[in-house]
């Protein structure tokens, strides 16, 4: 899958976690394949480097946008109905 632009808004995206943040010794949270992650607004200041956080299923701590290689956004259901 080619690289896509870094997300700038909340939503679900295909991504690979390549540089996990706060990973305990002895664990490996890096993605072995593309997975769907949830990007969310972590604070109100768009200029804050931690404005967007990322939730990865099975990972205890919030990850950050620069920790990933990004794929496309996952279409929301209304987009799927228009495509049909």
PDB file of N, CA and C in Angstrom:
ATOM      1  N   UNK A   1       0.852  -1.169   0.000  1.00  0.00           N
ATOM      2  CA  UNK A   1       0.000   0.000   0.000  1.00  0.00           C
ATOM      3  C   UNK A   1       0.903   1.240   0.000  1.00  0.00           C
ATOM      4  N   UNK A   2       0.614   2.207  -0.851  1.00  0.00           N
ATOM      5  CA  UNK A   2       1.443   3.422  -0.877  1.00  0.00           C
ATOM      6  C   UNK A   2       1.220   4.254   0.385  1.00  0.00           C
ATOM      7  N   UNK A   3       2.160   5.152   0.651  1.00  0.00           N
ATOM      8  CA  UNK A   3       1.994   6.069   1.780  1.00  0.00           C
ATOM      9  C   UNK A   3       0.969   7.133   1.423  1.00  0.00           C
ATOM     10  N   UNK A   4       0.224   7.554   2.412  1.00  0.00           N
ATOM     11  CA  UNK A   4      -0.786   8.586   2.250  1.00  0.00           C
ATOM     12  C   UNK A   4      -0.411   9.766   3.150  1.00  0.00           C
ATOM     13  N   UNK A   5      -1.053  10.915   2.949  1.00  0.00           N
ATOM     14  CA  UNK A   5      -0.756  12.068   3.815  1.00  0.00           C
ATOM     15  C   UNK A   5      -1.088  11.779   5.280  1.00  0.00           C
ATOM     16  N   UNK A   6      -0.384  12.442   6.152  1.00  0.00           N
ATOM     17  CA  UNK A   6      -0.633  12.341   7.580  1.00  0.00           C
ATOM     18  C   UNK A   6      -2.014  12.909   7.899  1.00  0.00           C
ATOM     19  N   UNK A   7      -2.807  12.231   8.712  1.00  0.00           N
ATOM     20  CA  UNK A   7      -4.140  12.740   9.056  1.00  0.00           C
ATOM     21  C   UNK A   7      -4.075  14.116   9.726  1.00  0.00           C
ATOM     22  N   UNK A   8      -5.067  14.940   9.415  1.00  0.00           N
ATOM     23  CA  UNK A   8      -5.185  16.260  10.033  1.00  0.00           C
ATOM     24  C   UNK A   8      -6.513  16.411  10.761  1.00  0.00           C
ATOM     25  N   UNK A   9      -7.317  15.343  10.764  1.00  0.00           N
ATOM     26  CA  UNK A   9      -8.601  15.378  11.458  1.00  0.00           C
ATOM     27  C   UNK A   9      -8.937  13.999  12.011  1.00  0.00           C
ATOM     28  N   UNK A  10      -9.918  13.993  12.916  1.00  0.00           N
ATOM     29  CA  UNK A  10     -10.357  12.744  13.547  1.00  0.00           C
ATOM     30  C   UNK A  10     -10.943  11.793  12.507  1.00  0.00           C
ATOM     31  N   UNK A  11     -10.882  10.508  12.810  1.00  0.00           N
ATOM     32  CA  UNK A  11     -11.469   9.501  11.941  1.00  0.00           C
ATOM     33  C   UNK A  11     -10.743   8.181  12.083  1.00  0.00           C
ATOM     34  N   UNK A  12     -11.098   7.240  11.243  1.00  0.00           N
ATOM     35  CA  UNK A  12     -10.444   5.932  11.219  1.00  0.00           C
ATOM     36  C   UNK A  12      -9.587   5.855   9.961  1.00  0.00           C
ATOM     37  N   UNK A  13      -8.387   5.324  10.121  1.00  0.00           N
ATOM     38  CA  UNK A  13      -7.417   5.268   9.033  1.00  0.00           C
ATOM     39  C   UNK A  13      -6.709   3.917   9.044  1.00  0.00           C
ATOM     40  N   UNK A  14      -6.236   3.510   7.885  1.00  0.00           N
ATOM     41  CA  UNK A  14      -5.317   2.389   7.798  1.00  0.00           C
ATOM     42  C   UNK A  14      -3.938   2.929   8.152  1.00  0.00           C
ATOM     43  N   UNK A  15      -3.185   2.189   8.958  1.00  0.00           N
ATOM     44  CA  UNK A  15      -1.866   2.660   9.374  1.00  0.00           C
ATOM     45  C   UNK A  15      -1.013   1.495   9.849  1.00  0.00           C
ATOM     46  N   UNK A  16       0.285   1.773   9.937  1.00  0.00           N
ATOM     47  CA  UNK A  16       1.242   0.847  10.544  1.00  0.00           C
ATOM     48  C   UNK A  16       1.970   1.599  11.649  1.00  0.00           C
ATOM     49  N   UNK A  17       1.894   1.086  12.864  1.00  0.00           N
ATOM     50  CA  UNK A  17       2.629   1.667  13.986  1.00  0.00           C
ATOM     51  C   UNK A  17       4.083   1.226  13.860  1.00  0.00           C
ATOM     52  N   UNK A  18       4.990   2.180  13.674  1.00  0.00           N
ATOM     53  CA  UNK A  18       6.398   1.822  13.468  1.00  0.00           C
ATOM     54  C   UNK A  18       7.306   2.289  14.607  1.00  0.00           C
ATOM     55  N   UNK A  19       6.892   3.296  15.368  1.00  0.00           N
ATOM     56  CA  UNK A  19       7.683   3.811  16.488  1.00  0.00           C
ATOM     57  C   UNK A  19       6.792   3.957  17.716  1.00  0.00           C
ATOM     58  N   UNK A  20       6.444   2.847  18.389  1.00  0.00           N
ATOM     59  CA  UNK A  20       5.536   2.920  19.536  1.00  0.00           C
ATOM     60  C   UNK A  20       6.057   3.831  20.655  1.00  0.00           C
ATOM     61  N   UNK A  21       5.134   4.565  21.270  1.00  0.00           N
ATOM     62  CA  UNK A  21       5.441   5.451  22.388  1.00  0.00           C
ATOM     63  C   UNK A  21       5.092   4.756  23.697  1.00  0.00           C
ATOM     64  N   UNK A  22       5.995   4.856  24.690  1.00  0.00           N
ATOM     65  CA  UNK A  22       5.784   4.312  26.047  1.00  0.00           C
ATOM     66  C   UNK A  22       5.594   2.794  26.063  1.00  0.00           C
ATOM     67  N   UNK A  23       6.234   2.100  25.149  1.00  0.00           N
ATOM     68  CA  UNK A  23       6.123   0.640  25.088  1.00  0.00           C
ATOM     69  C   UNK A  23       7.007   0.012  26.171  1.00  0.00           C
ATOM     70  N   UNK A  24       6.449  -0.853  27.016  1.00  0.00           N
ATOM     71  CA  UNK A  24       7.243  -1.511  28.053  1.00  0.00           C
ATOM     72  C   UNK A  24       8.304  -2.434  27.448  1.00  0.00           C
ATOM     73  N   UNK A  25       9.394  -2.583  28.176  1.00  0.00           N
ATOM     74  CA  UNK A  25      10.445  -3.504  27.746  1.00  0.00           C
ATOM     75  C   UNK A  25       9.857  -4.903  27.639  1.00  0.00           C
ATOM     76  N   UNK A  26      10.271  -5.618  26.626  1.00  0.00           N
ATOM     77  CA  UNK A  26       9.810  -6.988  26.436  1.00  0.00           C
ATOM     78  C   UNK A  26       8.537  -7.117  25.629  1.00  0.00           C
ATOM     79  N   UNK A  27       7.904  -5.989  25.266  1.00  0.00           N
ATOM     80  CA  UNK A  27       6.712  -6.031  24.426  1.00  0.00           C
ATOM     81  C   UNK A  27       7.042  -5.475  23.052  1.00  0.00           C
ATOM     82  N   UNK A  28       6.258  -5.843  22.069  1.00  0.00           N
ATOM     83  CA  UNK A  28       6.462  -5.327  20.721  1.00  0.00           C
ATOM     84  C   UNK A  28       5.118  -4.896  20.152  1.00  0.00           C
ATOM     85  N   UNK A  29       4.872  -3.597  20.139  1.00  0.00           N
ATOM     86  CA  UNK A  29       3.615  -3.059  19.650  1.00  0.00           C
ATOM     87  C   UNK A  29       3.671  -2.673  18.183  1.00  0.00           C
ATOM     88  N   UNK A  30       4.830  -2.751  17.568  1.00  0.00           N
ATOM     89  CA  UNK A  30       4.936  -2.349  16.159  1.00  0.00           C
ATOM     90  C   UNK A  30       4.028  -3.230  15.299  1.00  0.00           C
ATOM     91  N   UNK A  31       3.380  -2.611  14.317  1.00  0.00           N
ATOM     92  CA  UNK A  31       2.453  -3.347  13.444  1.00  0.00           C
ATOM     93  C   UNK A  31       3.219  -4.267  12.510  1.00  0.00           C
ATOM     94  N   UNK A  32       2.703  -5.462  12.326  1.00  0.00           N
ATOM     95  CA  UNK A  32       3.289  -6.380  11.348  1.00  0.00           C
ATOM     96  C   UNK A  32       2.598  -6.223   9.993  1.00  0.00           C
ATOM     97  N   UNK A  33       1.423  -5.620  10.002  1.00  0.00           N
ATOM     98  CA  UNK A  33       0.659  -5.399   8.775  1.00  0.00           C
ATOM     99  C   UNK A  33      -0.188  -4.148   8.967  1.00  0.00           C
ATOM    100  N   UNK A  34      -0.872  -3.716   7.929  1.00  0.00           N
ATOM    101  CA  UNK A  34      -1.773  -2.568   8.014  1.00  0.00           C
ATOM    102  C   UNK A  34      -2.935  -2.902   8.942  1.00  0.00           C
ATOM    103  N   UNK A  35      -3.346  -1.932   9.757  1.00  0.00           N
ATOM    104  CA  UNK A  35      -4.490  -2.108  10.638  1.00  0.00           C
ATOM    105  C   UNK A  35      -5.270  -0.799  10.716  1.00  0.00           C
ATOM    106  N   UNK A  36      -6.536  -0.897  11.103  1.00  0.00           N
ATOM    107  CA  UNK A  36      -7.366   0.293  11.249  1.00  0.00           C
ATOM    108  C   UNK A  36      -7.141   0.873  12.642  1.00  0.00           C
ATOM    109  N   UNK A  37      -6.848   2.176  12.695  1.00  0.00           N
ATOM    110  CA  UNK A  37      -6.651   2.880  13.961  1.00  0.00           C
ATOM    111  C   UNK A  37      -7.632   4.045  14.036  1.00  0.00           C
ATOM    112  N   UNK A  38      -7.854   4.542  15.243  1.00  0.00           N
ATOM    113  CA  UNK A  38      -8.752   5.666  15.445  1.00  0.00           C
ATOM    114  C   UNK A  38      -7.950   6.904  15.816  1.00  0.00           C
ATOM    115  N   UNK A  39      -8.079   7.946  15.009  1.00  0.00           N
ATOM    116  CA  UNK A  39      -7.448   9.234  15.285  1.00  0.00           C
ATOM    117  C   UNK A  39      -8.500  10.102  15.969  1.00  0.00           C
ATOM    118  N   UNK A  40      -8.117  10.761  17.072  1.00  0.00           N
ATOM    119  CA  UNK A  40      -9.069  11.584  17.812  1.00  0.00           C
ATOM    120  C   UNK A  40      -8.412  12.876  18.278  1.00  0.00           C
ATOM    121  N   UNK A  41      -9.248  13.885  18.559  1.00  0.00           N
ATOM    122  CA  UNK A  41      -8.748  15.154  19.085  1.00  0.00           C
ATOM    123  C   UNK A  41      -8.383  14.954  20.547  1.00  0.00           C
ATOM    124  N   UNK A  42      -7.117  15.145  20.860  1.00  0.00           N
ATOM    125  CA  UNK A  42      -6.605  14.932  22.201  1.00  0.00           C
ATOM    126  C   UNK A  42      -6.634  16.212  23.029  1.00  0.00           C
ATOM    127  N   UNK A  43      -6.605  17.371  22.382  1.00  0.00           N
ATOM    128  CA  UNK A  43      -6.680  18.659  23.069  1.00  0.00           C
ATOM    129  C   UNK A  43      -7.287  19.682  22.109  1.00  0.00           C
ATOM    130  N   UNK A  44      -7.533  20.886  22.580  1.00  0.00           N
ATOM    131  CA  UNK A  44      -8.218  21.889  21.767  1.00  0.00           C
ATOM    132  C   UNK A  44      -7.291  22.718  20.887  1.00  0.00           C
ATOM    133  N   UNK A  45      -6.014  22.763  21.211  1.00  0.00           N
ATOM    134  CA  UNK A  45      -5.060  23.610  20.490  1.00  0.00           C
ATOM    135  C   UNK A  45      -4.501  22.884  19.265  1.00  0.00           C
ATOM    136  N   UNK A  46      -4.947  23.287  18.073  1.00  0.00           N
ATOM    137  CA  UNK A  46      -4.477  22.644  16.835  1.00  0.00           C
ATOM    138  C   UNK A  46      -2.974  22.790  16.628  1.00  0.00           C
ATOM    139  N   UNK A  47      -2.335  23.736  17.304  1.00  0.00           N
ATOM    140  CA  UNK A  47      -0.890  23.941  17.169  1.00  0.00           C
ATOM    141  C   UNK A  47      -0.081  23.071  18.132  1.00  0.00           C
ATOM    142  N   UNK A  48      -0.752  22.416  19.048  1.00  0.00           N
ATOM    143  CA  UNK A  48      -0.087  21.518  19.995  1.00  0.00           C
ATOM    144  C   UNK A  48       0.334  20.257  19.247  1.00  0.00           C
ATOM    145  N   UNK A  49       1.587  19.806  19.392  1.00  0.00           N
ATOM    146  CA  UNK A  49       2.023  18.586  18.699  1.00  0.00           C
ATOM    147  C   UNK A  49       1.218  17.351  19.103  1.00  0.00           C
ATOM    148  N   UNK A  50       0.549  17.399  20.250  1.00  0.00           N
ATOM    149  CA  UNK A  50      -0.267  16.279  20.700  1.00  0.00           C
ATOM    150  C   UNK A  50      -1.759  16.549  20.483  1.00  0.00           C
ATOM    151  N   UNK A  51      -2.077  17.430  19.527  1.00  0.00           N
ATOM    152  CA  UNK A  51      -3.473  17.754  19.212  1.00  0.00           C
ATOM    153  C   UNK A  51      -4.246  16.491  18.828  1.00  0.00           C
ATOM    154  N   UNK A  52      -3.665  15.653  17.976  1.00  0.00           N
ATOM    155  CA  UNK A  52      -4.305  14.404  17.569  1.00  0.00           C
ATOM    156  C   UNK A  52      -3.620  13.225  18.247  1.00  0.00           C
ATOM    157  N   UNK A  53      -4.404  12.387  18.884  1.00  0.00           N
ATOM    158  CA  UNK A  53      -3.910  11.140  19.449  1.00  0.00           C
ATOM    159  C   UNK A  53      -4.412   9.986  18.597  1.00  0.00           C
ATOM    160  N   UNK A  54      -3.807   8.831  18.777  1.00  0.00           N
ATOM    161  CA  UNK A  54      -4.190   7.658  17.994  1.00  0.00           C
ATOM    162  C   UNK A  54      -4.412   6.486  18.944  1.00  0.00           C
ATOM    163  N   UNK A  55      -5.575   5.850  18.785  1.00  0.00           N
ATOM    164  CA  UNK A  55      -5.878   4.636  19.549  1.00  0.00           C
ATOM    165  C   UNK A  55      -5.639   3.436  18.642  1.00  0.00           C
ATOM    166  N   UNK A  56      -4.824   2.507  19.156  1.00  0.00           N
ATOM    167  CA  UNK A  56      -4.543   1.260  18.440  1.00  0.00           C
ATOM    168  C   UNK A  56      -5.120   0.134  19.287  1.00  0.00           C
ATOM    169  N   UNK A  57      -5.929  -0.701  18.700  1.00  0.00           N
ATOM    170  CA  UNK A  57      -6.519  -1.820  19.425  1.00  0.00           C
ATOM    171  C   UNK A  57      -5.429  -2.687  20.041  1.00  0.00           C
ATOM    172  N   UNK A  58      -5.565  -2.956  21.333  1.00  0.00           N
ATOM    173  CA  UNK A  58      -4.604  -3.801  22.035  1.00  0.00           C
ATOM    174  C   UNK A  58      -3.408  -3.058  22.607  1.00  0.00           C
ATOM    175  N   UNK A  59      -3.305  -1.750  22.359  1.00  0.00           N
ATOM    176  CA  UNK A  59      -2.191  -0.954  22.878  1.00  0.00           C
ATOM    177  C   UNK A  59      -2.735  -0.067  23.995  1.00  0.00           C
ATOM    178  N   UNK A  60      -2.120  -0.155  25.158  1.00  0.00           N
ATOM    179  CA  UNK A  60      -2.626   0.505  26.362  1.00  0.00           C
ATOM    180  C   UNK A  60      -2.545   2.032  26.293  1.00  0.00           C
ATOM    181  N   UNK A  61      -1.472   2.570  25.736  1.00  0.00           N
ATOM    182  CA  UNK A  61      -1.237   4.011  25.771  1.00  0.00           C
ATOM    183  C   UNK A  61      -1.571   4.674  24.441  1.00  0.00           C
ATOM    184  N   UNK A  62      -1.960   5.947  24.532  1.00  0.00           N
ATOM    185  CA  UNK A  62      -2.184   6.751  23.326  1.00  0.00           C
ATOM    186  C   UNK A  62      -0.887   6.819  22.540  1.00  0.00           C
ATOM    187  N   UNK A  63      -1.004   6.675  21.253  1.00  0.00           N
ATOM    188  CA  UNK A  63       0.135   6.828  20.352  1.00  0.00           C
ATOM    189  C   UNK A  63      -0.034   8.168  19.628  1.00  0.00           C
ATOM    190  N   UNK A  64       1.004   8.627  18.951  1.00  0.00           N
ATOM    191  CA  UNK A  64       0.985   9.939  18.324  1.00  0.00           C
ATOM    192  C   UNK A  64       1.142   9.812  16.817  1.00  0.00           C
ATOM    193  N   UNK A  65       0.595  10.748  16.095  1.00  0.00           N
ATOM    194  CA  UNK A  65       0.552  10.714  14.635  1.00  0.00           C
ATOM    195  C   UNK A  65       1.927  10.423  14.010  1.00  0.00           C
ATOM    196  N   UNK A  66       3.034  11.029  14.477  1.00  0.00           N
ATOM    197  CA  UNK A  66       4.337  10.735  13.850  1.00  0.00           C
ATOM    198  C   UNK A  66       4.843   9.307  14.063  1.00  0.00           C
ATOM    199  N   UNK A  67       4.183   8.530  14.935  1.00  0.00           N
ATOM    200  CA  UNK A  67       4.607   7.154  15.218  1.00  0.00           C
ATOM    201  C   UNK A  67       4.222   6.171  14.112  1.00  0.00           C
ATOM    202  N   UNK A  68       3.517   6.644  13.071  1.00  0.00           N
ATOM    203  CA  UNK A  68       2.907   5.759  12.083  1.00  0.00           C
ATOM    204  C   UNK A  68       3.362   6.033  10.649  1.00  0.00           C
ATOM    205  N   UNK A  69       3.189   5.018   9.821  1.00  0.00           N
ATOM    206  CA  UNK A  69       3.143   5.164   8.365  1.00  0.00           C
ATOM    207  C   UNK A  69       1.660   5.127   8.041  1.00  0.00           C
ATOM    208  N   UNK A  70       1.172   6.093   7.267  1.00  0.00           N
ATOM    209  CA  UNK A  70      -0.270   6.252   7.071  1.00  0.00           C
ATOM    210  C   UNK A  70      -0.753   5.715   5.742  1.00  0.00           C
ATOM    211  N   UNK A  71      -1.922   5.104   5.798  1.00  0.00           N
ATOM    212  CA  UNK A  71      -2.642   4.657   4.615  1.00  0.00           C
ATOM    213  C   UNK A  71      -3.874   5.523   4.440  1.00  0.00           C
ATOM    214  N   UNK A  72      -4.845   5.072   3.656  1.00  0.00           N
ATOM    215  CA  UNK A  72      -6.038   5.887   3.400  1.00  0.00           C
ATOM    216  C   UNK A  72      -6.998   5.918   4.587  1.00  0.00           C
ATOM    217  N   UNK A  73      -7.868   6.923   4.574  1.00  0.00           N
ATOM    218  CA  UNK A  73      -8.948   6.995   5.557  1.00  0.00           C
ATOM    219  C   UNK A  73      -9.936   5.869   5.271  1.00  0.00           C
ATOM    220  N   UNK A  74     -10.556   5.363   6.322  1.00  0.00           N
ATOM    221  CA  UNK A  74     -11.603   4.352   6.180  1.00  0.00           C
ATOM    222  C   UNK A  74     -12.902   5.115   5.899  1.00  0.00           C
ATOM    223  N   UNK A  75     -13.605   4.784   4.812  1.00  0.00           N
ATOM    224  CA  UNK A  75     -14.833   5.516   4.495  1.00  0.00           C
ATOM    225  C   UNK A  75     -15.881   5.353   5.585  1.00  0.00           C
ATOM    226  N   UNK A  76     -16.608   6.435   5.855  1.00  0.00           N
ATOM    227  CA  UNK A  76     -17.726   6.349   6.802  1.00  0.00           C
ATOM    228  C   UNK A  76     -18.936   5.798   6.060  1.00  0.00           C
ATOM    229  N   UNK A  77     -19.910   5.235   6.757  1.00  0.00           N
ATOM    230  CA  UNK A  77     -21.043   4.590   6.081  1.00  0.00           C
ATOM    231  C   UNK A  77     -21.740   5.447   5.022  1.00  0.00           C
ATOM    232  N   UNK A  78     -21.885   6.755   5.244  1.00  0.00           N
ATOM    233  CA  UNK A  78     -22.537   7.585   4.239  1.00  0.00           C
ATOM    234  C   UNK A  78     -21.737   7.604   2.939  1.00  0.00           C
ATOM    235  N   UNK A  79     -20.399   7.553   3.036  1.00  0.00           N
ATOM    236  CA  UNK A  79     -19.548   7.491   1.837  1.00  0.00           C
ATOM    237  C   UNK A  79     -19.758   6.165   1.112  1.00  0.00           C
ATOM    238  N   UNK A  80     -19.970   5.082   1.875  1.00  0.00           N
ATOM    239  CA  UNK A  80     -20.164   3.767   1.270  1.00  0.00           C
ATOM    240  C   UNK A  80     -21.483   3.712   0.492  1.00  0.00           C
ATOM    241  N   UNK A  81     -22.521   4.346   1.035  1.00  0.00           N
ATOM    242  CA  UNK A  81     -23.815   4.347   0.330  1.00  0.00           C
ATOM    243  C   UNK A  81     -23.724   5.109  -0.988  1.00  0.00           C
ATOM    244  N   UNK A  82     -22.972   6.217  -0.997  1.00  0.00           N
ATOM    245  CA  UNK A  82     -22.817   6.984  -2.235  1.00  0.00           C
ATOM    246  C   UNK A  82     -22.032   6.215  -3.282  1.00  0.00           C
ATOM    247  N   UNK A  83     -21.085   5.369  -2.828  1.00  0.00           N
ATOM    248  CA  UNK A  83     -20.253   4.618  -3.760  1.00  0.00           C
ATOM    249  C   UNK A  83     -21.003   3.453  -4.399  1.00  0.00           C
ATOM    250  N   UNK A  84     -22.082   2.996  -3.770  1.00  0.00           N
ATOM    251  CA  UNK A  84     -22.806   1.821  -4.266  1.00  0.00           C
ATOM    252  C   UNK A  84     -23.659   2.132  -5.486  1.00  0.00           C
TER     253      UNK A  84
END
